[in-house]
Amino acid sequence: MFLWRKPRERCKNPWQDRYHRLVQEKFLSLAPLILLTKLDSCYSHSRAHPSRDRDLNSPITLRTRKFLSNRLLQRRQMVLEVIHPARPNVSRSELQEKIGELYKTPKEQVSVFGMRTHFGGGRSTGFALVYDSQEAMKSFEPTHRIVRNGLAPKIEKASRKLRKERKNRGKKVRGTKKGDSKKK
């Protein structure tokens, strides 16, 4: 007859374990100290807010990853890593200038998009495209990014709701009067 060995039961309360008891004692001895320092930092009005201490002119570090020279689209493309420890964020125009200097092209030929700031701040990643010419940028870049860079005017059109209302109004009229009903 084969006897099964009963598995060792784990204690329901982890503080019963010797190691956990030691950790608990150590923590409880330090807890009042930690709590007091937290309260002091929260309620002291003499200190300035940490975000106000940040300098918007502090230096940034640019790193490029996954660099690819795309001859078909006449551009160089890369993943952009920006390290900005003393700043909350870096503007797109500033990044365009820096990348333009780095790759010896005018900032109008640089497209930066998809920038995401990592949790905790100090580091952002995004995507950058450096075009060989402005004509190549205008032909291959999506219209919304061309407008964002200021190379083309924004096309003003009626709101989506208004366009749908006009379309449905036009359905109710037949023949040549359709165009007149859409104008109203």
N, C-alpha and C. Protein backbone atom coordinates (compact mmCIF):
# COMPACT_ATOMS: atom_id res chain seq x y z
N MET A 1 0.84 -1.17 0.00
CA MET A 1 0.00 0.00 0.00
C MET A 1 0.89 1.24 0.00
N PHE A 2 0.53 2.21 -0.89
CA PHE A 2 1.33 3.42 -1.04
C PHE A 2 0.70 4.55 -0.23
N LEU A 3 1.50 5.19 0.62
CA LEU A 3 0.98 6.29 1.44
C LEU A 3 1.38 7.63 0.83
N TRP A 4 0.39 8.48 0.69
CA TRP A 4 0.67 9.83 0.19
C TRP A 4 1.16 10.69 1.33
N ARG A 5 2.22 11.43 1.04
CA ARG A 5 2.73 12.35 2.06
C ARG A 5 1.89 13.63 2.00
N LYS A 6 1.47 14.07 3.15
CA LYS A 6 0.65 15.27 3.22
C LYS A 6 1.54 16.49 2.92
N PRO A 7 1.13 17.36 1.99
CA PRO A 7 1.96 18.54 1.69
C PRO A 7 2.01 19.49 2.87
N ARG A 8 3.15 20.19 2.97
CA ARG A 8 3.32 21.14 4.06
C ARG A 8 2.33 22.28 3.90
N GLU A 9 1.61 22.57 4.94
CA GLU A 9 0.61 23.63 4.86
C GLU A 9 1.29 24.97 5.07
N ARG A 10 0.87 25.91 4.26
CA ARG A 10 1.39 27.26 4.45
C ARG A 10 0.51 27.96 5.46
N CYS A 11 1.12 28.79 6.27
CA CYS A 11 0.33 29.47 7.28
C CYS A 11 -0.50 30.56 6.62
N LYS A 12 -1.69 30.74 7.11
CA LYS A 12 -2.59 31.74 6.55
C LYS A 12 -2.07 33.15 6.81
N ASN A 13 -1.49 33.36 7.95
CA ASN A 13 -0.98 34.67 8.31
C ASN A 13 0.53 34.70 8.05
N PRO A 14 1.00 35.46 7.07
CA PRO A 14 2.43 35.45 6.77
C PRO A 14 3.29 36.01 7.89
N TRP A 15 2.69 36.78 8.81
CA TRP A 15 3.48 37.37 9.89
C TRP A 15 3.87 36.33 10.94
N GLN A 16 3.30 35.12 10.85
CA GLN A 16 3.69 34.08 11.79
C GLN A 16 5.06 33.51 11.42
N ASP A 17 5.43 33.64 10.20
CA ASP A 17 6.73 33.17 9.75
C ASP A 17 7.83 34.01 10.42
N ARG A 18 8.96 33.40 10.76
CA ARG A 18 10.02 34.08 11.51
C ARG A 18 10.57 35.28 10.74
N TYR A 19 10.85 35.09 9.46
CA TYR A 19 11.41 36.17 8.64
C TYR A 19 10.45 37.35 8.56
N HIS A 20 9.17 37.01 8.33
CA HIS A 20 8.18 38.07 8.21
C HIS A 20 7.98 38.81 9.53
N ARG A 21 8.11 38.07 10.65
CA ARG A 21 8.00 38.74 11.95
C ARG A 21 9.12 39.75 12.13
N LEU A 22 10.34 39.37 11.71
CA LEU A 22 11.48 40.30 11.82
C LEU A 22 11.26 41.54 10.95
N VAL A 23 10.77 41.33 9.76
CA VAL A 23 10.51 42.46 8.85
C VAL A 23 9.44 43.36 9.45
N GLN A 24 8.41 42.74 10.02
CA GLN A 24 7.33 43.51 10.61
C GLN A 24 7.84 44.36 11.78
N GLU A 25 8.67 43.77 12.64
CA GLU A 25 9.22 44.51 13.77
C GLU A 25 10.07 45.68 13.29
N LYS A 26 10.89 45.44 12.26
CA LYS A 26 11.75 46.48 11.72
C LYS A 26 10.91 47.61 11.13
N PHE A 27 9.86 47.24 10.39
CA PHE A 27 9.00 48.23 9.76
C PHE A 27 8.25 49.05 10.81
N LEU A 28 7.71 48.35 11.82
CA LEU A 28 6.95 49.06 12.85
C LEU A 28 7.82 50.01 13.65
N SER A 29 9.11 49.67 13.78
CA SER A 29 9.99 50.58 14.51
C SER A 29 10.30 51.83 13.67
N LEU A 30 10.30 51.68 12.33
CA LEU A 30 10.60 52.82 11.45
C LEU A 30 9.35 53.56 10.99
N ALA A 31 8.17 52.94 11.13
CA ALA A 31 6.94 53.51 10.59
C ALA A 31 6.65 54.92 11.09
N PRO A 32 6.76 55.20 12.41
CA PRO A 32 6.47 56.57 12.86
C PRO A 32 7.40 57.60 12.22
N LEU A 33 8.66 57.21 12.04
CA LEU A 33 9.64 58.11 11.43
C LEU A 33 9.28 58.40 9.98
N ILE A 34 8.92 57.36 9.23
CA ILE A 34 8.56 57.51 7.82
C ILE A 34 7.31 58.38 7.70
N LEU A 35 6.33 58.12 8.57
CA LEU A 35 5.08 58.85 8.53
C LEU A 35 5.31 60.34 8.81
N LEU A 36 6.16 60.64 9.81
CA LEU A 36 6.43 62.04 10.15
C LEU A 36 7.11 62.77 8.99
N THR A 37 8.07 62.14 8.34
CA THR A 37 8.76 62.80 7.22
C THR A 37 7.80 63.03 6.06
N LYS A 38 6.88 62.09 5.83
CA LYS A 38 5.89 62.26 4.77
C LYS A 38 4.98 63.45 5.09
N LEU A 39 4.52 63.51 6.36
CA LEU A 39 3.63 64.61 6.75
C LEU A 39 4.34 65.95 6.65
N ASP A 40 5.61 66.00 7.07
CA ASP A 40 6.36 67.25 6.99
C ASP A 40 6.48 67.72 5.55
N SER A 41 6.77 66.81 4.63
CA SER A 41 6.94 67.20 3.23
C SER A 41 5.61 67.63 2.61
N CYS A 42 4.50 67.07 3.11
CA CYS A 42 3.19 67.43 2.54
C CYS A 42 2.73 68.80 3.00
N TYR A 43 2.99 69.13 4.27
CA TYR A 43 2.40 70.33 4.84
C TYR A 43 3.36 71.50 4.98
N SER A 44 4.59 71.37 4.55
CA SER A 44 5.50 72.50 4.70
C SER A 44 5.27 73.46 3.54
N HIS A 45 4.91 74.71 3.86
CA HIS A 45 4.63 75.70 2.83
C HIS A 45 5.87 76.49 2.45
N SER A 46 6.95 76.32 3.18
CA SER A 46 8.15 77.09 2.88
C SER A 46 8.83 76.57 1.61
N ARG A 47 8.68 75.28 1.34
CA ARG A 47 9.29 74.71 0.14
C ARG A 47 8.48 75.06 -1.09
N ALA A 48 9.16 75.22 -2.21
CA ALA A 48 8.46 75.45 -3.47
C ALA A 48 7.98 74.11 -4.01
N HIS A 49 6.97 74.16 -4.83
CA HIS A 49 6.46 72.94 -5.46
C HIS A 49 7.53 72.38 -6.38
N PRO A 50 7.75 71.04 -6.37
CA PRO A 50 8.84 70.48 -7.17
C PRO A 50 8.72 70.77 -8.67
N SER A 51 7.49 70.85 -9.19
CA SER A 51 7.35 71.11 -10.62
C SER A 51 7.74 72.54 -10.97
N ARG A 52 7.68 73.46 -9.99
CA ARG A 52 8.08 74.84 -10.25
C ARG A 52 9.58 74.99 -10.31
N ASP A 53 10.32 74.03 -9.74
CA ASP A 53 11.77 74.10 -9.75
C ASP A 53 12.35 73.70 -11.10
N ARG A 54 11.55 73.13 -11.97
CA ARG A 54 12.06 72.62 -13.24
C ARG A 54 12.41 73.78 -14.16
N ASP A 55 13.55 73.65 -14.81
CA ASP A 55 14.04 74.68 -15.71
C ASP A 55 13.70 74.29 -17.14
N LEU A 56 12.96 75.15 -17.84
CA LEU A 56 12.54 74.83 -19.20
C LEU A 56 13.68 74.98 -20.21
N ASN A 57 14.79 75.58 -19.80
CA ASN A 57 15.93 75.73 -20.70
C ASN A 57 17.04 74.74 -20.40
N SER A 58 16.78 73.77 -19.54
CA SER A 58 17.82 72.79 -19.20
C SER A 58 18.09 71.89 -20.41
N PRO A 59 19.30 71.35 -20.50
CA PRO A 59 19.67 70.56 -21.68
C PRO A 59 18.90 69.23 -21.76
N ILE A 60 18.76 68.76 -23.00
CA ILE A 60 18.12 67.47 -23.25
C ILE A 60 19.08 66.59 -24.01
N THR A 61 18.87 65.28 -23.92
CA THR A 61 19.70 64.32 -24.65
C THR A 61 18.82 63.60 -25.66
N LEU A 62 19.29 63.56 -26.91
CA LEU A 62 18.57 62.85 -27.97
C LEU A 62 19.30 61.57 -28.31
N ARG A 63 18.56 60.48 -28.41
CA ARG A 63 19.12 59.21 -28.86
C ARG A 63 18.22 58.67 -29.96
N THR A 64 18.84 58.11 -31.00
CA THR A 64 18.04 57.51 -32.07
C THR A 64 18.25 56.01 -32.06
N ARG A 65 17.15 55.29 -32.23
CA ARG A 65 17.19 53.83 -32.32
C ARG A 65 16.51 53.41 -33.60
N LYS A 66 16.79 52.20 -34.05
CA LYS A 66 16.14 51.62 -35.23
C LYS A 66 16.21 52.57 -36.43
N PHE A 67 17.38 53.14 -36.67
CA PHE A 67 17.56 54.06 -37.79
C PHE A 67 17.45 53.31 -39.10
N LEU A 68 16.72 53.88 -40.05
CA LEU A 68 16.53 53.24 -41.35
C LEU A 68 16.55 54.31 -42.43
N SER A 69 17.35 54.08 -43.46
CA SER A 69 17.38 54.99 -44.60
C SER A 69 16.42 54.45 -45.65
N ASN A 70 15.31 55.14 -45.84
CA ASN A 70 14.25 54.68 -46.74
C ASN A 70 14.35 55.45 -48.05
N ARG A 71 15.01 54.87 -49.04
CA ARG A 71 15.24 55.55 -50.33
C ARG A 71 13.97 55.66 -51.15
N LEU A 72 13.04 54.72 -51.02
CA LEU A 72 11.80 54.78 -51.79
C LEU A 72 10.97 56.01 -51.42
N LEU A 73 10.94 56.34 -50.15
CA LEU A 73 10.18 57.50 -49.70
C LEU A 73 11.06 58.72 -49.48
N GLN A 74 12.34 58.62 -49.90
CA GLN A 74 13.30 59.73 -49.83
C GLN A 74 13.39 60.33 -48.42
N ARG A 75 13.61 59.45 -47.45
CA ARG A 75 13.69 59.93 -46.08
C ARG A 75 14.54 59.00 -45.23
N ARG A 76 14.91 59.50 -44.05
CA ARG A 76 15.54 58.69 -43.02
C ARG A 76 14.55 58.64 -41.86
N GLN A 77 14.32 57.46 -41.33
CA GLN A 77 13.34 57.33 -40.26
C GLN A 77 13.96 56.64 -39.06
N MET A 78 13.48 57.01 -37.88
CA MET A 78 14.09 56.50 -36.65
C MET A 78 13.12 56.60 -35.49
N VAL A 79 13.40 55.80 -34.47
CA VAL A 79 12.71 55.94 -33.19
C VAL A 79 13.53 56.91 -32.37
N LEU A 80 12.87 57.88 -31.80
CA LEU A 80 13.54 58.96 -31.10
C LEU A 80 13.37 58.78 -29.60
N GLU A 81 14.47 58.84 -28.86
CA GLU A 81 14.44 58.77 -27.40
C GLU A 81 14.95 60.08 -26.86
N VAL A 82 14.13 60.78 -26.09
CA VAL A 82 14.51 62.07 -25.53
C VAL A 82 14.62 61.92 -24.03
N ILE A 83 15.76 62.31 -23.48
CA ILE A 83 15.95 62.27 -22.03
C ILE A 83 15.97 63.71 -21.54
N HIS A 84 14.99 64.04 -20.69
CA HIS A 84 14.84 65.41 -20.19
C HIS A 84 14.56 65.38 -18.69
N PRO A 85 15.58 65.13 -17.86
CA PRO A 85 15.35 64.93 -16.42
C PRO A 85 14.83 66.16 -15.68
N ALA A 86 15.22 67.36 -16.10
CA ALA A 86 14.82 68.56 -15.36
C ALA A 86 13.65 69.29 -16.02
N ARG A 87 12.99 68.64 -16.97
CA ARG A 87 11.89 69.28 -17.68
C ARG A 87 10.67 68.38 -17.73
N PRO A 88 9.49 68.97 -17.74
CA PRO A 88 8.30 68.13 -17.85
C PRO A 88 8.11 67.54 -19.23
N ASN A 89 8.51 68.28 -20.27
CA ASN A 89 8.32 67.82 -21.64
C ASN A 89 9.19 68.65 -22.57
N VAL A 90 9.31 68.23 -23.83
CA VAL A 90 10.06 68.98 -24.83
C VAL A 90 9.14 69.23 -26.01
N SER A 91 9.11 70.47 -26.52
CA SER A 91 8.19 70.80 -27.61
C SER A 91 8.65 70.17 -28.92
N ARG A 92 7.68 69.96 -29.81
CA ARG A 92 7.97 69.37 -31.11
C ARG A 92 8.89 70.26 -31.93
N SER A 93 8.65 71.58 -31.87
CA SER A 93 9.47 72.50 -32.66
C SER A 93 10.93 72.46 -32.21
N GLU A 94 11.15 72.35 -30.90
CA GLU A 94 12.52 72.26 -30.39
C GLU A 94 13.18 70.95 -30.84
N LEU A 95 12.41 69.87 -30.82
CA LEU A 95 12.94 68.58 -31.28
C LEU A 95 13.27 68.63 -32.77
N GLN A 96 12.42 69.30 -33.55
CA GLN A 96 12.68 69.43 -34.98
C GLN A 96 13.99 70.18 -35.23
N GLU A 97 14.21 71.26 -34.46
CA GLU A 97 15.45 72.03 -34.60
C GLU A 97 16.67 71.17 -34.28
N LYS A 98 16.59 70.44 -33.16
CA LYS A 98 17.73 69.61 -32.73
C LYS A 98 18.03 68.50 -33.74
N ILE A 99 16.99 67.85 -34.25
CA ILE A 99 17.20 66.78 -35.23
C ILE A 99 17.72 67.35 -36.54
N GLY A 100 17.21 68.54 -36.91
CA GLY A 100 17.71 69.21 -38.11
C GLY A 100 19.20 69.51 -38.02
N GLU A 101 19.64 69.97 -36.84
CA GLU A 101 21.08 70.22 -36.62
C GLU A 101 21.86 68.91 -36.69
N LEU A 102 21.30 67.87 -36.10
CA LEU A 102 21.98 66.58 -36.03
C LEU A 102 22.18 65.97 -37.42
N TYR A 103 21.17 66.08 -38.29
CA TYR A 103 21.24 65.47 -39.62
C TYR A 103 21.48 66.49 -40.74
N LYS A 104 21.83 67.73 -40.35
CA LYS A 104 22.19 68.80 -41.30
C LYS A 104 21.10 69.04 -42.35
N THR A 105 19.88 69.19 -41.89
CA THR A 105 18.76 69.53 -42.76
C THR A 105 17.95 70.64 -42.11
N PRO A 106 17.20 71.43 -42.91
CA PRO A 106 16.34 72.45 -42.29
C PRO A 106 15.21 71.81 -41.49
N LYS A 107 14.75 72.52 -40.47
CA LYS A 107 13.73 71.93 -39.58
C LYS A 107 12.40 71.70 -40.28
N GLU A 108 12.16 72.37 -41.43
CA GLU A 108 10.92 72.17 -42.19
C GLU A 108 10.85 70.78 -42.80
N GLN A 109 12.00 70.12 -42.96
CA GLN A 109 12.03 68.78 -43.56
C GLN A 109 12.00 67.67 -42.51
N VAL A 110 11.83 68.05 -41.25
CA VAL A 110 11.81 67.07 -40.16
C VAL A 110 10.38 66.94 -39.63
N SER A 111 9.92 65.72 -39.49
CA SER A 111 8.59 65.45 -38.95
C SER A 111 8.73 64.61 -37.69
N VAL A 112 8.21 65.13 -36.58
CA VAL A 112 8.25 64.42 -35.30
C VAL A 112 6.81 64.14 -34.88
N PHE A 113 6.52 62.89 -34.52
CA PHE A 113 5.15 62.55 -34.12
C PHE A 113 5.17 61.36 -33.17
N GLY A 114 4.03 61.14 -32.51
CA GLY A 114 3.88 59.98 -31.63
C GLY A 114 4.70 60.05 -30.36
N MET A 115 4.96 61.25 -29.86
CA MET A 115 5.77 61.39 -28.64
C MET A 115 4.95 60.97 -27.42
N ARG A 116 5.52 60.10 -26.60
CA ARG A 116 4.89 59.66 -25.36
C ARG A 116 5.87 59.85 -24.22
N THR A 117 5.43 60.51 -23.16
CA THR A 117 6.27 60.68 -21.98
C THR A 117 6.09 59.47 -21.08
N HIS A 118 7.19 58.88 -20.63
CA HIS A 118 7.13 57.70 -19.78
C HIS A 118 6.64 58.09 -18.39
N PHE A 119 6.06 57.13 -17.70
CA PHE A 119 5.54 57.39 -16.36
C PHE A 119 6.68 57.82 -15.44
N GLY A 120 6.46 58.87 -14.70
CA GLY A 120 7.49 59.39 -13.82
C GLY A 120 8.25 60.54 -14.45
N GLY A 121 8.10 60.73 -15.74
CA GLY A 121 8.74 61.85 -16.43
C GLY A 121 10.22 61.62 -16.67
N GLY A 122 10.84 62.58 -17.32
CA GLY A 122 12.28 62.51 -17.55
C GLY A 122 12.68 61.78 -18.81
N ARG A 123 11.76 61.07 -19.44
CA ARG A 123 12.10 60.33 -20.66
C ARG A 123 10.86 60.23 -21.56
N SER A 124 11.07 60.48 -22.85
CA SER A 124 9.99 60.38 -23.83
C SER A 124 10.49 59.63 -25.05
N THR A 125 9.59 58.93 -25.71
CA THR A 125 9.94 58.26 -26.96
C THR A 125 8.92 58.63 -28.02
N GLY A 126 9.37 58.63 -29.26
CA GLY A 126 8.49 58.96 -30.37
C GLY A 126 9.13 58.53 -31.67
N PHE A 127 8.65 59.11 -32.75
CA PHE A 127 9.13 58.73 -34.08
C PHE A 127 9.53 59.99 -34.82
N ALA A 128 10.59 59.92 -35.62
CA ALA A 128 11.05 61.07 -36.39
C ALA A 128 11.35 60.65 -37.82
N LEU A 129 10.99 61.53 -38.76
CA LEU A 129 11.28 61.33 -40.17
C LEU A 129 12.05 62.54 -40.67
N VAL A 130 13.17 62.31 -41.35
CA VAL A 130 13.96 63.40 -41.93
C VAL A 130 13.92 63.22 -43.44
N TYR A 131 13.23 64.12 -44.13
CA TYR A 131 13.08 64.02 -45.59
C TYR A 131 14.26 64.68 -46.30
N ASP A 132 14.56 64.17 -47.51
CA ASP A 132 15.66 64.71 -48.31
C ASP A 132 15.30 66.08 -48.88
N SER A 133 14.04 66.30 -49.23
CA SER A 133 13.61 67.58 -49.78
C SER A 133 12.20 67.90 -49.30
N GLN A 134 11.83 69.18 -49.46
CA GLN A 134 10.50 69.59 -49.03
C GLN A 134 9.42 69.02 -49.96
N GLU A 135 9.76 68.85 -51.23
CA GLU A 135 8.80 68.27 -52.18
C GLU A 135 8.49 66.82 -51.80
N ALA A 136 9.52 66.08 -51.39
CA ALA A 136 9.31 64.69 -50.97
C ALA A 136 8.43 64.64 -49.73
N MET A 137 8.64 65.59 -48.82
CA MET A 137 7.84 65.63 -47.61
C MET A 137 6.38 65.90 -47.95
N LYS A 138 6.14 66.85 -48.85
CA LYS A 138 4.76 67.19 -49.21
C LYS A 138 4.06 66.06 -49.95
N SER A 139 4.83 65.26 -50.70
CA SER A 139 4.19 64.19 -51.47
C SER A 139 3.95 62.92 -50.65
N PHE A 140 4.82 62.63 -49.67
CA PHE A 140 4.70 61.37 -48.93
C PHE A 140 4.09 61.50 -47.54
N GLU A 141 4.20 62.66 -46.93
CA GLU A 141 3.72 62.86 -45.55
C GLU A 141 2.20 63.02 -45.55
N PRO A 142 1.49 62.48 -44.54
CA PRO A 142 0.04 62.68 -44.45
C PRO A 142 -0.30 64.17 -44.30
N THR A 143 -1.46 64.55 -44.82
CA THR A 143 -1.85 65.96 -44.87
C THR A 143 -1.91 66.59 -43.49
N HIS A 144 -2.42 65.86 -42.50
CA HIS A 144 -2.56 66.46 -41.17
C HIS A 144 -1.20 66.81 -40.56
N ARG A 145 -0.17 66.03 -40.87
CA ARG A 145 1.16 66.34 -40.35
C ARG A 145 1.80 67.49 -41.11
N ILE A 146 1.49 67.61 -42.41
CA ILE A 146 1.99 68.75 -43.20
C ILE A 146 1.38 70.04 -42.66
N VAL A 147 0.07 70.00 -42.36
CA VAL A 147 -0.62 71.17 -41.80
C VAL A 147 -0.04 71.51 -40.44
N ARG A 148 0.22 70.50 -39.62
CA ARG A 148 0.77 70.69 -38.28
C ARG A 148 2.14 71.36 -38.33
N ASN A 149 2.94 71.00 -39.35
CA ASN A 149 4.27 71.61 -39.50
C ASN A 149 4.21 72.99 -40.15
N GLY A 150 3.02 73.42 -40.61
CA GLY A 150 2.86 74.75 -41.18
C GLY A 150 3.26 74.85 -42.64
N LEU A 151 3.33 73.73 -43.36
CA LEU A 151 3.71 73.75 -44.77
C LEU A 151 2.50 73.86 -45.70
N ALA A 152 1.30 73.66 -45.18
CA ALA A 152 0.08 73.77 -45.98
C ALA A 152 -1.02 74.38 -45.12
N PRO A 153 -1.95 75.12 -45.74
CA PRO A 153 -3.04 75.70 -44.94
C PRO A 153 -4.07 74.64 -44.56
N LYS A 154 -4.72 74.87 -43.44
CA LYS A 154 -5.76 73.94 -42.99
C LYS A 154 -7.03 74.19 -43.78
N ILE A 155 -7.64 73.14 -44.29
CA ILE A 155 -8.87 73.27 -45.07
C ILE A 155 -10.04 73.36 -44.10
N GLU A 156 -10.74 74.49 -44.13
CA GLU A 156 -11.89 74.68 -43.25
C GLU A 156 -13.11 74.07 -43.91
N LYS A 157 -13.80 73.19 -43.21
CA LYS A 157 -15.02 72.60 -43.75
C LYS A 157 -16.09 72.61 -42.67
N ALA A 158 -17.34 72.44 -43.11
CA ALA A 158 -18.47 72.46 -42.19
C ALA A 158 -18.35 71.29 -41.22
N SER A 159 -19.02 71.43 -40.08
CA SER A 159 -18.95 70.38 -39.07
C SER A 159 -19.59 69.10 -39.59
N ARG A 160 -19.24 68.01 -39.00
CA ARG A 160 -19.71 66.69 -39.43
C ARG A 160 -21.24 66.61 -39.35
N LYS A 161 -21.79 67.15 -38.28
CA LYS A 161 -23.24 67.10 -38.09
C LYS A 161 -23.95 67.90 -39.18
N LEU A 162 -23.40 69.08 -39.50
CA LEU A 162 -24.01 69.92 -40.52
C LEU A 162 -23.96 69.25 -41.89
N ARG A 163 -22.84 68.59 -42.19
CA ARG A 163 -22.72 67.88 -43.47
C ARG A 163 -23.74 66.76 -43.58
N LYS A 164 -23.94 66.02 -42.49
CA LYS A 164 -24.92 64.92 -42.49
C LYS A 164 -26.34 65.45 -42.63
N GLU A 165 -26.63 66.57 -41.97
CA GLU A 165 -27.97 67.17 -42.07
C GLU A 165 -28.25 67.61 -43.50
N ARG A 166 -27.24 68.23 -44.15
CA ARG A 166 -27.39 68.64 -45.55
C ARG A 166 -27.63 67.44 -46.46
N LYS A 167 -26.89 66.39 -46.24
CA LYS A 167 -27.02 65.17 -47.05
C LYS A 167 -28.45 64.61 -46.93
N ASN A 168 -28.95 64.53 -45.71
CA ASN A 168 -30.28 63.96 -45.48
C ASN A 168 -31.38 64.88 -46.00
N ARG A 169 -31.16 66.20 -45.94
CA ARG A 169 -32.12 67.15 -46.50
C ARG A 169 -32.20 66.98 -48.01
N GLY A 170 -31.05 66.72 -48.62
CA GLY A 170 -31.00 66.53 -50.07
C GLY A 170 -31.71 65.27 -50.52
N LYS A 171 -31.81 64.27 -49.67
CA LYS A 171 -32.49 63.02 -50.02
C LYS A 171 -34.00 63.20 -50.17
N LYS A 172 -34.55 64.21 -49.48
CA LYS A 172 -36.00 64.40 -49.46
C LYS A 172 -36.51 65.14 -50.69
N VAL A 173 -35.60 65.71 -51.49
CA VAL A 173 -35.99 66.50 -52.66
C VAL A 173 -35.53 65.78 -53.91
N ARG A 174 -36.32 65.90 -54.99
CA ARG A 174 -35.97 65.22 -56.25
C ARG A 174 -35.48 66.22 -57.29
N GLY A 175 -34.68 65.73 -58.21
CA GLY A 175 -34.31 66.50 -59.40
C GLY A 175 -33.36 67.65 -59.14
N THR A 176 -33.63 68.76 -59.84
CA THR A 176 -32.70 69.90 -59.82
C THR A 176 -32.77 70.65 -58.50
N LYS A 177 -33.80 70.45 -57.72
CA LYS A 177 -33.95 71.16 -56.45
C LYS A 177 -33.03 70.60 -55.37
N LYS A 178 -32.38 69.46 -55.65
CA LYS A 178 -31.49 68.83 -54.65
C LYS A 178 -30.36 69.77 -54.26
N GLY A 179 -29.73 70.41 -55.23
CA GLY A 179 -28.62 71.32 -54.96
C GLY A 179 -29.04 72.51 -54.13
N ASP A 180 -30.27 73.02 -54.39
CA ASP A 180 -30.77 74.17 -53.64
C ASP A 180 -31.03 73.80 -52.19
N SER A 181 -31.55 72.59 -51.95
CA SER A 181 -31.87 72.18 -50.58
C SER A 181 -30.61 71.99 -49.74
N LYS A 182 -29.51 71.58 -50.38
CA LYS A 182 -28.27 71.37 -49.64
C LYS A 182 -27.64 72.70 -49.22
N LYS A 183 -27.92 73.77 -49.98
CA LYS A 183 -27.33 75.08 -49.68
C LYS A 183 -27.94 75.69 -48.43
N LYS A 184 -29.20 75.36 -48.14
CA LYS A 184 -29.89 75.97 -47.01
C LYS A 184 -29.35 75.52 -45.68
